[in-house]
Amino acid sequence: MMNLAMILQTMDQIFTTLIFIPMVFILYCRFTGFHKRTEKSRNLYRLCLVLIGLFLLRYFCDKFIYTEVNYEKLSGGMSPVIKAIFYPNH
């Protein structure tokens, strides 16, 4: 179980570190109209939008819901995935 938590923390760290790549791609598409050219570029644009939406949801949960102040309240029925991502030190 400890290895799974470490894998999830590593994946989360990589995701939060490399999220700027889809953001730059979306900015490029918005300024140039690249996402309107082919079906492949439209699908890539949509995938980047989904990734950024997931990042914003993760950031919101990290900063407003799963904070250190709320740990005692939420620790009763917390899943191991949430514990591994939002509370790595506990």
PDB file of N, CA and C in Angstrom:
ATOM      1  N   MET A   1       0.825  -1.192   0.000  1.00  0.00           N
ATOM      2  CA  MET A   1       0.000   0.000   0.000  1.00  0.00           C
ATOM      3  C   MET A   1       0.867   1.251   0.000  1.00  0.00           C
ATOM      4  N   MET A   2       2.011   1.168   0.657  1.00  0.00           N
ATOM      5  CA  MET A   2       2.902   2.328   0.719  1.00  0.00           C
ATOM      6  C   MET A   2       3.478   2.645  -0.659  1.00  0.00           C
ATOM      7  N   ASN A   3       3.758   1.594  -1.449  1.00  0.00           N
ATOM      8  CA  ASN A   3       4.281   1.831  -2.797  1.00  0.00           C
ATOM      9  C   ASN A   3       3.238   2.492  -3.682  1.00  0.00           C
ATOM     10  N   LEU A   4       1.976   2.102  -3.523  1.00  0.00           N
ATOM     11  CA  LEU A   4       0.911   2.717  -4.301  1.00  0.00           C
ATOM     12  C   LEU A   4       0.774   4.199  -3.954  1.00  0.00           C
ATOM     13  N   ALA A   5       0.871   4.532  -2.694  1.00  0.00           N
ATOM     14  CA  ALA A   5       0.801   5.934  -2.273  1.00  0.00           C
ATOM     15  C   ALA A   5       1.965   6.725  -2.852  1.00  0.00           C
ATOM     16  N   MET A   6       3.137   6.125  -2.875  1.00  0.00           N
ATOM     17  CA  MET A   6       4.298   6.815  -3.427  1.00  0.00           C
ATOM     18  C   MET A   6       4.156   7.018  -4.937  1.00  0.00           C
ATOM     19  N   ILE A   7       3.592   6.027  -5.621  1.00  0.00           N
ATOM     20  CA  ILE A   7       3.359   6.151  -7.060  1.00  0.00           C
ATOM     21  C   ILE A   7       2.356   7.262  -7.338  1.00  0.00           C
ATOM     22  N   LEU A   8       1.270   7.322  -6.559  1.00  0.00           N
ATOM     23  CA  LEU A   8       0.277   8.376  -6.734  1.00  0.00           C
ATOM     24  C   LEU A   8       0.860   9.760  -6.463  1.00  0.00           C
ATOM     25  N   GLN A   9       1.690   9.875  -5.453  1.00  0.00           N
ATOM     26  CA  GLN A   9       2.321  11.165  -5.147  1.00  0.00           C
ATOM     27  C   GLN A   9       3.264  11.581  -6.261  1.00  0.00           C
ATOM     28  N   THR A  10       3.995  10.642  -6.830  1.00  0.00           N
ATOM     29  CA  THR A  10       4.904  10.947  -7.936  1.00  0.00           C
ATOM     30  C   THR A  10       4.130  11.374  -9.176  1.00  0.00           C
ATOM     31  N   MET A  11       3.049  10.662  -9.486  1.00  0.00           N
ATOM     32  CA  MET A  11       2.224  11.035 -10.637  1.00  0.00           C
ATOM     33  C   MET A  11       1.607  12.412 -10.448  1.00  0.00           C
ATOM     34  N   ASP A  12       1.159  12.708  -9.234  1.00  0.00           N
ATOM     35  CA  ASP A  12       0.587  14.015  -8.940  1.00  0.00           C
ATOM     36  C   ASP A  12       1.634  15.115  -9.075  1.00  0.00           C
ATOM     37  N   GLN A  13       2.834  14.864  -8.613  1.00  0.00           N
ATOM     38  CA  GLN A  13       3.919  15.843  -8.724  1.00  0.00           C
ATOM     39  C   GLN A  13       4.275  16.103 -10.181  1.00  0.00           C
ATOM     40  N   ILE A  14       4.344  15.053 -10.984  1.00  0.00           N
ATOM     41  CA  ILE A  14       4.639  15.214 -12.413  1.00  0.00           C
ATOM     42  C   ILE A  14       3.525  15.990 -13.100  1.00  0.00           C
ATOM     43  N   PHE A  15       2.268  15.656 -12.770  1.00  0.00           N
ATOM     44  CA  PHE A  15       1.122  16.338 -13.371  1.00  0.00           C
ATOM     45  C   PHE A  15       1.131  17.825 -13.039  1.00  0.00           C
ATOM     46  N   THR A  16       1.364  18.165 -11.777  1.00  0.00           N
ATOM     47  CA  THR A  16       1.342  19.574 -11.395  1.00  0.00           C
ATOM     48  C   THR A  16       2.561  20.335 -11.923  1.00  0.00           C
ATOM     49  N   THR A  17       3.644  19.635 -12.174  1.00  0.00           N
ATOM     50  CA  THR A  17       4.828  20.287 -12.707  1.00  0.00           C
ATOM     51  C   THR A  17       4.714  20.537 -14.210  1.00  0.00           C
ATOM     52  N   LEU A  18       4.143  19.594 -14.942  1.00  0.00           N
ATOM     53  CA  LEU A  18       4.112  19.685 -16.403  1.00  0.00           C
ATOM     54  C   LEU A  18       2.796  20.228 -16.965  1.00  0.00           C
ATOM     55  N   ILE A  19       1.935  20.772 -16.140  1.00  0.00           N
ATOM     56  CA  ILE A  19       0.649  21.270 -16.617  1.00  0.00           C
ATOM     57  C   ILE A  19       0.825  22.512 -17.493  1.00  0.00           C
ATOM     58  N   PHE A  20       1.969  23.157 -17.430  1.00  0.00           N
ATOM     59  CA  PHE A  20       2.176  24.353 -18.253  1.00  0.00           C
ATOM     60  C   PHE A  20       2.201  24.016 -19.744  1.00  0.00           C
ATOM     61  N   ILE A  21       2.532  22.795 -20.119  1.00  0.00           N
ATOM     62  CA  ILE A  21       2.599  22.427 -21.542  1.00  0.00           C
ATOM     63  C   ILE A  21       1.218  22.520 -22.201  1.00  0.00           C
ATOM     64  N   PRO A  22       0.156  21.898 -21.623  1.00  0.00           N
ATOM     65  CA  PRO A  22      -1.165  22.094 -22.232  1.00  0.00           C
ATOM     66  C   PRO A  22      -1.643  23.546 -22.181  1.00  0.00           C
ATOM     67  N   MET A  23      -1.249  24.275 -21.151  1.00  0.00           N
ATOM     68  CA  MET A  23      -1.647  25.686 -21.071  1.00  0.00           C
ATOM     69  C   MET A  23      -1.025  26.500 -22.203  1.00  0.00           C
ATOM     70  N   VAL A  24       0.238  26.259 -22.489  1.00  0.00           N
ATOM     71  CA  VAL A  24       0.913  26.962 -23.580  1.00  0.00           C
ATOM     72  C   VAL A  24       0.294  26.570 -24.921  1.00  0.00           C
ATOM     73  N   PHE A  25      -0.039  25.282 -25.073  1.00  0.00           N
ATOM     74  CA  PHE A  25      -0.657  24.826 -26.325  1.00  0.00           C
ATOM     75  C   PHE A  25      -2.017  25.502 -26.539  1.00  0.00           C
ATOM     76  N   ILE A  26      -2.807  25.629 -25.491  1.00  0.00           N
ATOM     77  CA  ILE A  26      -4.117  26.285 -25.618  1.00  0.00           C
ATOM     78  C   ILE A  26      -3.948  27.763 -25.970  1.00  0.00           C
ATOM     79  N   LEU A  27      -2.990  28.422 -25.346  1.00  0.00           N
ATOM     80  CA  LEU A  27      -2.732  29.822 -25.709  1.00  0.00           C
ATOM     81  C   LEU A  27      -2.315  29.946 -27.176  1.00  0.00           C
ATOM     82  N   TYR A  28      -1.448  29.031 -27.613  1.00  0.00           N
ATOM     83  CA  TYR A  28      -1.017  29.033 -29.012  1.00  0.00           C
ATOM     84  C   TYR A  28      -2.215  28.844 -29.946  1.00  0.00           C
ATOM     85  N   CYS A  29      -3.080  27.898 -29.606  1.00  0.00           N
ATOM     86  CA  CYS A  29      -4.255  27.637 -30.442  1.00  0.00           C
ATOM     87  C   CYS A  29      -5.215  28.817 -30.472  1.00  0.00           C
ATOM     88  N   ARG A  30      -5.399  29.467 -29.345  1.00  0.00           N
ATOM     89  CA  ARG A  30      -6.333  30.592 -29.287  1.00  0.00           C
ATOM     90  C   ARG A  30      -5.831  31.789 -30.114  1.00  0.00           C
ATOM     91  N   PHE A  31      -4.527  31.993 -30.131  1.00  0.00           N
ATOM     92  CA  PHE A  31      -3.991  33.126 -30.880  1.00  0.00           C
ATOM     93  C   PHE A  31      -3.835  32.850 -32.372  1.00  0.00           C
ATOM     94  N   THR A  32      -3.627  31.595 -32.745  1.00  0.00           N
ATOM     95  CA  THR A  32      -3.375  31.287 -34.148  1.00  0.00           C
ATOM     96  C   THR A  32      -4.542  30.605 -34.843  1.00  0.00           C
ATOM     97  N   GLY A  33      -5.492  30.066 -34.103  1.00  0.00           N
ATOM     98  CA  GLY A  33      -6.583  29.324 -34.721  1.00  0.00           C
ATOM     99  C   GLY A  33      -6.178  27.933 -35.142  1.00  0.00           C
ATOM    100  N   PHE A  34      -5.122  27.408 -34.572  1.00  0.00           N
ATOM    101  CA  PHE A  34      -4.592  26.094 -34.938  1.00  0.00           C
ATOM    102  C   PHE A  34      -5.592  24.974 -34.649  1.00  0.00           C
ATOM    103  N   HIS A  35      -6.397  25.124 -33.611  1.00  0.00           N
ATOM    104  CA  HIS A  35      -7.313  24.053 -33.210  1.00  0.00           C
ATOM    105  C   HIS A  35      -8.486  23.888 -34.173  1.00  0.00           C
ATOM    106  N   LYS A  36      -8.643  24.765 -35.142  1.00  0.00           N
ATOM    107  CA  LYS A  36      -9.743  24.676 -36.102  1.00  0.00           C
ATOM    108  C   LYS A  36      -9.332  23.978 -37.395  1.00  0.00           C
ATOM    109  N   ARG A  37      -8.080  23.600 -37.539  1.00  0.00           N
ATOM    110  CA  ARG A  37      -7.586  23.094 -38.817  1.00  0.00           C
ATOM    111  C   ARG A  37      -7.968  21.637 -39.069  1.00  0.00           C
ATOM    112  N   THR A  38      -7.561  20.736 -38.203  1.00  0.00           N
ATOM    113  CA  THR A  38      -7.806  19.312 -38.440  1.00  0.00           C
ATOM    114  C   THR A  38      -8.501  18.692 -37.239  1.00  0.00           C
ATOM    115  N   GLU A  39      -9.015  17.499 -37.466  1.00  0.00           N
ATOM    116  CA  GLU A  39      -9.697  16.762 -36.388  1.00  0.00           C
ATOM    117  C   GLU A  39      -8.715  16.390 -35.275  1.00  0.00           C
ATOM    118  N   LYS A  40      -7.503  16.039 -35.664  1.00  0.00           N
ATOM    119  CA  LYS A  40      -6.486  15.663 -34.672  1.00  0.00           C
ATOM    120  C   LYS A  40      -6.130  16.845 -33.767  1.00  0.00           C
ATOM    121  N   SER A  41      -5.982  18.011 -34.344  1.00  0.00           N
ATOM    122  CA  SER A  41      -5.641  19.181 -33.525  1.00  0.00           C
ATOM    123  C   SER A  41      -6.818  19.593 -32.634  1.00  0.00           C
ATOM    124  N   ARG A  42      -8.058  19.409 -33.122  1.00  0.00           N
ATOM    125  CA  ARG A  42      -9.225  19.698 -32.277  1.00  0.00           C
ATOM    126  C   ARG A  42      -9.289  18.746 -31.096  1.00  0.00           C
ATOM    127  N   ASN A  43      -9.005  17.463 -31.339  1.00  0.00           N
ATOM    128  CA  ASN A  43      -9.019  16.490 -30.240  1.00  0.00           C
ATOM    129  C   ASN A  43      -7.917  16.775 -29.229  1.00  0.00           C
ATOM    130  N   LEU A  44      -6.753  17.157 -29.710  1.00  0.00           N
ATOM    131  CA  LEU A  44      -5.658  17.514 -28.809  1.00  0.00           C
ATOM    132  C   LEU A  44      -6.006  18.753 -27.989  1.00  0.00           C
ATOM    133  N   TYR A  45      -6.656  19.712 -28.623  1.00  0.00           N
ATOM    134  CA  TYR A  45      -7.104  20.919 -27.934  1.00  0.00           C
ATOM    135  C   TYR A  45      -8.102  20.571 -26.835  1.00  0.00           C
ATOM    136  N   ARG A  46      -9.049  19.692 -27.139  1.00  0.00           N
ATOM    137  CA  ARG A  46     -10.040  19.269 -26.146  1.00  0.00           C
ATOM    138  C   ARG A  46      -9.385  18.504 -25.003  1.00  0.00           C
ATOM    139  N   LEU A  47      -8.415  17.659 -25.319  1.00  0.00           N
ATOM    140  CA  LEU A  47      -7.692  16.927 -24.274  1.00  0.00           C
ATOM    141  C   LEU A  47      -6.962  17.894 -23.349  1.00  0.00           C
ATOM    142  N   CYS A  48      -6.359  18.905 -23.910  1.00  0.00           N
ATOM    143  CA  CYS A  48      -5.668  19.910 -23.091  1.00  0.00           C
ATOM    144  C   CYS A  48      -6.649  20.658 -22.202  1.00  0.00           C
ATOM    145  N   LEU A  49      -7.847  20.958 -22.719  1.00  0.00           N
ATOM    146  CA  LEU A  49      -8.864  21.603 -21.901  1.00  0.00           C
ATOM    147  C   LEU A  49      -9.284  20.718 -20.728  1.00  0.00           C
ATOM    148  N   VAL A  50      -9.423  19.431 -20.976  1.00  0.00           N
ATOM    149  CA  VAL A  50      -9.789  18.494 -19.904  1.00  0.00           C
ATOM    150  C   VAL A  50      -8.680  18.413 -18.862  1.00  0.00           C
ATOM    151  N   LEU A  51      -7.437  18.341 -19.309  1.00  0.00           N
ATOM    152  CA  LEU A  51      -6.308  18.279 -18.368  1.00  0.00           C
ATOM    153  C   LEU A  51      -6.241  19.528 -17.500  1.00  0.00           C
ATOM    154  N   ILE A  52      -6.467  20.678 -18.086  1.00  0.00           N
ATOM    155  CA  ILE A  52      -6.440  21.922 -17.318  1.00  0.00           C
ATOM    156  C   ILE A  52      -7.624  21.981 -16.359  1.00  0.00           C
ATOM    157  N   GLY A  53      -8.777  21.483 -16.779  1.00  0.00           N
ATOM    158  CA  GLY A  53      -9.923  21.407 -15.880  1.00  0.00           C
ATOM    159  C   GLY A  53      -9.648  20.502 -14.685  1.00  0.00           C
ATOM    160  N   LEU A  54      -9.011  19.370 -14.931  1.00  0.00           N
ATOM    161  CA  LEU A  54      -8.634  18.476 -13.825  1.00  0.00           C
ATOM    162  C   LEU A  54      -7.633  19.136 -12.885  1.00  0.00           C
ATOM    163  N   PHE A  55      -6.695  19.878 -13.459  1.00  0.00           N
ATOM    164  CA  PHE A  55      -5.726  20.582 -12.629  1.00  0.00           C
ATOM    165  C   PHE A  55      -6.401  21.633 -11.757  1.00  0.00           C
ATOM    166  N   LEU A  56      -7.334  22.380 -12.334  1.00  0.00           N
ATOM    167  CA  LEU A  56      -8.034  23.399 -11.560  1.00  0.00           C
ATOM    168  C   LEU A  56      -8.883  22.777 -10.451  1.00  0.00           C
ATOM    169  N   LEU A  57      -9.502  21.641 -10.727  1.00  0.00           N
ATOM    170  CA  LEU A  57     -10.264  20.934  -9.698  1.00  0.00           C
ATOM    171  C   LEU A  57      -9.340  20.443  -8.589  1.00  0.00           C
ATOM    172  N   ARG A  58      -8.188  19.899  -8.953  1.00  0.00           N
ATOM    173  CA  ARG A  58      -7.224  19.423  -7.964  1.00  0.00           C
ATOM    174  C   ARG A  58      -6.700  20.580  -7.123  1.00  0.00           C
ATOM    175  N   TYR A  59      -6.422  21.710  -7.765  1.00  0.00           N
ATOM    176  CA  TYR A  59      -5.914  22.881  -7.057  1.00  0.00           C
ATOM    177  C   TYR A  59      -6.961  23.425  -6.084  1.00  0.00           C
ATOM    178  N   PHE A  60      -8.224  23.481  -6.527  1.00  0.00           N
ATOM    179  CA  PHE A  60      -9.298  23.942  -5.660  1.00  0.00           C
ATOM    180  C   PHE A  60      -9.439  23.037  -4.441  1.00  0.00           C
ATOM    181  N   CYS A  61      -9.432  21.736  -4.667  1.00  0.00           N
ATOM    182  CA  CYS A  61      -9.552  20.792  -3.545  1.00  0.00           C
ATOM    183  C   CYS A  61      -8.372  20.923  -2.589  1.00  0.00           C
ATOM    184  N   ASP A  62      -7.186  21.114  -3.135  1.00  0.00           N
ATOM    185  CA  ASP A  62      -5.985  21.225  -2.309  1.00  0.00           C
ATOM    186  C   ASP A  62      -5.993  22.479  -1.455  1.00  0.00           C
ATOM    187  N   LYS A  63      -6.435  23.585  -2.014  1.00  0.00           N
ATOM    188  CA  LYS A  63      -6.348  24.858  -1.300  1.00  0.00           C
ATOM    189  C   LYS A  63      -7.561  25.184  -0.436  1.00  0.00           C
ATOM    190  N   PHE A  64      -8.735  24.600  -0.747  1.00  0.00           N
ATOM    191  CA  PHE A  64      -9.929  25.007  -0.027  1.00  0.00           C
ATOM    192  C   PHE A  64     -10.640  23.891   0.731  1.00  0.00           C
ATOM    193  N   ILE A  65     -10.508  22.642   0.306  1.00  0.00           N
ATOM    194  CA  ILE A  65     -11.241  21.565   0.972  1.00  0.00           C
ATOM    195  C   ILE A  65     -10.315  20.709   1.826  1.00  0.00           C
ATOM    196  N   TYR A  66      -9.288  20.132   1.221  1.00  0.00           N
ATOM    197  CA  TYR A  66      -8.387  19.225   1.936  1.00  0.00           C
ATOM    198  C   TYR A  66      -7.182  19.985   2.480  1.00  0.00           C
ATOM    199  N   THR A  67      -7.425  20.863   3.416  1.00  0.00           N
ATOM    200  CA  THR A  67      -6.356  21.639   4.039  1.00  0.00           C
ATOM    201  C   THR A  67      -5.944  20.975   5.351  1.00  0.00           C
ATOM    202  N   GLU A  68      -4.860  21.444   5.910  1.00  0.00           N
ATOM    203  CA  GLU A  68      -4.390  20.911   7.191  1.00  0.00           C
ATOM    204  C   GLU A  68      -5.397  21.174   8.313  1.00  0.00           C
ATOM    205  N   VAL A  69      -6.129  22.274   8.206  1.00  0.00           N
ATOM    206  CA  VAL A  69      -7.130  22.611   9.221  1.00  0.00           C
ATOM    207  C   VAL A  69      -8.259  21.587   9.210  1.00  0.00           C
ATOM    208  N   ASN A  70      -8.654  21.111   8.033  1.00  0.00           N
ATOM    209  CA  ASN A  70      -9.768  20.175   7.905  1.00  0.00           C
ATOM    210  C   ASN A  70      -9.358  18.716   8.042  1.00  0.00           C
ATOM    211  N   TYR A  71      -8.088  18.429   8.266  1.00  0.00           N
ATOM    212  CA  TYR A  71      -7.629  17.040   8.310  1.00  0.00           C
ATOM    213  C   TYR A  71      -8.334  16.241   9.406  1.00  0.00           C
ATOM    214  N   GLU A  72      -8.456  16.803  10.575  1.00  0.00           N
ATOM    215  CA  GLU A  72      -9.090  16.086  11.686  1.00  0.00           C
ATOM    216  C   GLU A  72     -10.564  15.803  11.403  1.00  0.00           C
ATOM    217  N   LYS A  73     -11.248  16.738  10.755  1.00  0.00           N
ATOM    218  CA  LYS A  73     -12.674  16.556  10.444  1.00  0.00           C
ATOM    219  C   LYS A  73     -12.889  15.498   9.379  1.00  0.00           C
ATOM    220  N   LEU A  74     -12.006  15.449   8.385  1.00  0.00           N
ATOM    221  CA  LEU A  74     -12.196  14.576   7.241  1.00  0.00           C
ATOM    222  C   LEU A  74     -11.475  13.246   7.339  1.00  0.00           C
ATOM    223  N   SER A  75     -10.654  13.051   8.332  1.00  0.00           N
ATOM    224  CA  SER A  75      -9.814  11.850   8.372  1.00  0.00           C
ATOM    225  C   SER A  75     -10.587  10.584   8.709  1.00  0.00           C
ATOM    226  N   GLY A  76     -11.803  10.691   9.185  1.00  0.00           N
ATOM    227  CA  GLY A  76     -12.574   9.511   9.557  1.00  0.00           C
ATOM    228  C   GLY A  76     -12.868   8.587   8.392  1.00  0.00           C
ATOM    229  N   GLY A  77     -13.478   9.096   7.344  1.00  0.00           N
ATOM    230  CA  GLY A  77     -13.860   8.260   6.208  1.00  0.00           C
ATOM    231  C   GLY A  77     -13.091   8.586   4.955  1.00  0.00           C
ATOM    232  N   MET A  78     -11.836   8.937   5.089  1.00  0.00           N
ATOM    233  CA  MET A  78     -11.041   9.370   3.943  1.00  0.00           C
ATOM    234  C   MET A  78     -10.442   8.162   3.214  1.00  0.00           C
ATOM    235  N   SER A  79     -10.510   8.188   1.894  1.00  0.00           N
ATOM    236  CA  SER A  79      -9.937   7.100   1.112  1.00  0.00           C
ATOM    237  C   SER A  79      -8.412   7.233   1.073  1.00  0.00           C
ATOM    238  N   PRO A  80      -7.716   6.141   0.843  1.00  0.00           N
ATOM    239  CA  PRO A  80      -6.245   6.193   0.773  1.00  0.00           C
ATOM    240  C   PRO A  80      -5.718   7.037  -0.389  1.00  0.00           C
ATOM    241  N   VAL A  81      -6.501   7.144  -1.458  1.00  0.00           N
ATOM    242  CA  VAL A  81      -6.066   7.956  -2.598  1.00  0.00           C
ATOM    243  C   VAL A  81      -6.022   9.429  -2.203  1.00  0.00           C
ATOM    244  N   ILE A  82      -7.072   9.902  -1.543  1.00  0.00           N
ATOM    245  CA  ILE A  82      -7.106  11.305  -1.108  1.00  0.00           C
ATOM    246  C   ILE A  82      -6.007  11.563  -0.085  1.00  0.00           C
ATOM    247  N   LYS A  83      -5.797  10.608   0.803  1.00  0.00           N
ATOM    248  CA  LYS A  83      -4.747  10.771   1.804  1.00  0.00           C
ATOM    249  C   LYS A  83      -3.373  10.849   1.138  1.00  0.00           C
ATOM    250  N   ALA A  84      -3.146  10.039   0.116  1.00  0.00           N
ATOM    251  CA  ALA A  84      -1.844  10.024  -0.549  1.00  0.00           C
ATOM    252  C   ALA A  84      -1.595  11.309  -1.336  1.00  0.00           C
ATOM    253  N   ILE A  85      -2.629  11.863  -1.948  1.00  0.00           N
ATOM    254  CA  ILE A  85      -2.434  13.049  -2.786  1.00  0.00           C
ATOM    255  C   ILE A  85      -2.408  14.328  -1.964  1.00  0.00           C
ATOM    256  N   PHE A  86      -3.371  14.490  -1.073  1.00  0.00           N
ATOM    257  CA  PHE A  86      -3.518  15.779  -0.374  1.00  0.00           C
ATOM    258  C   PHE A  86      -2.827  15.836   0.984  1.00  0.00           C
ATOM    259  N   TYR A  87      -2.554  14.693   1.597  1.00  0.00           N
ATOM    260  CA  TYR A  87      -1.899  14.671   2.901  1.00  0.00           C
ATOM    261  C   TYR A  87      -0.699  13.717   2.884  1.00  0.00           C
ATOM    262  N   PRO A  88       0.338  14.031   2.158  1.00  0.00           N
ATOM    263  CA  PRO A  88       1.478  13.098   2.069  1.00  0.00           C
ATOM    264  C   PRO A  88       2.276  12.971   3.374  1.00  0.00           C
ATOM    265  N   ASN A  89       2.173  13.922   4.283  1.00  0.00           N
ATOM    266  CA  ASN A  89       2.970  13.881   5.501  1.00  0.00           C
ATOM    267  C   ASN A  89       2.274  13.164   6.654  1.00  0.00           C
ATOM    268  N   HIS A  90       1.032  12.761   6.477  1.00  0.00           N
ATOM    269  CA  HIS A  90       0.294  12.106   7.585  1.00  0.00           C
ATOM    270  C   HIS A  90       0.247  10.631   7.405  1.00  0.00           C
TER     271      HIS A  90
END
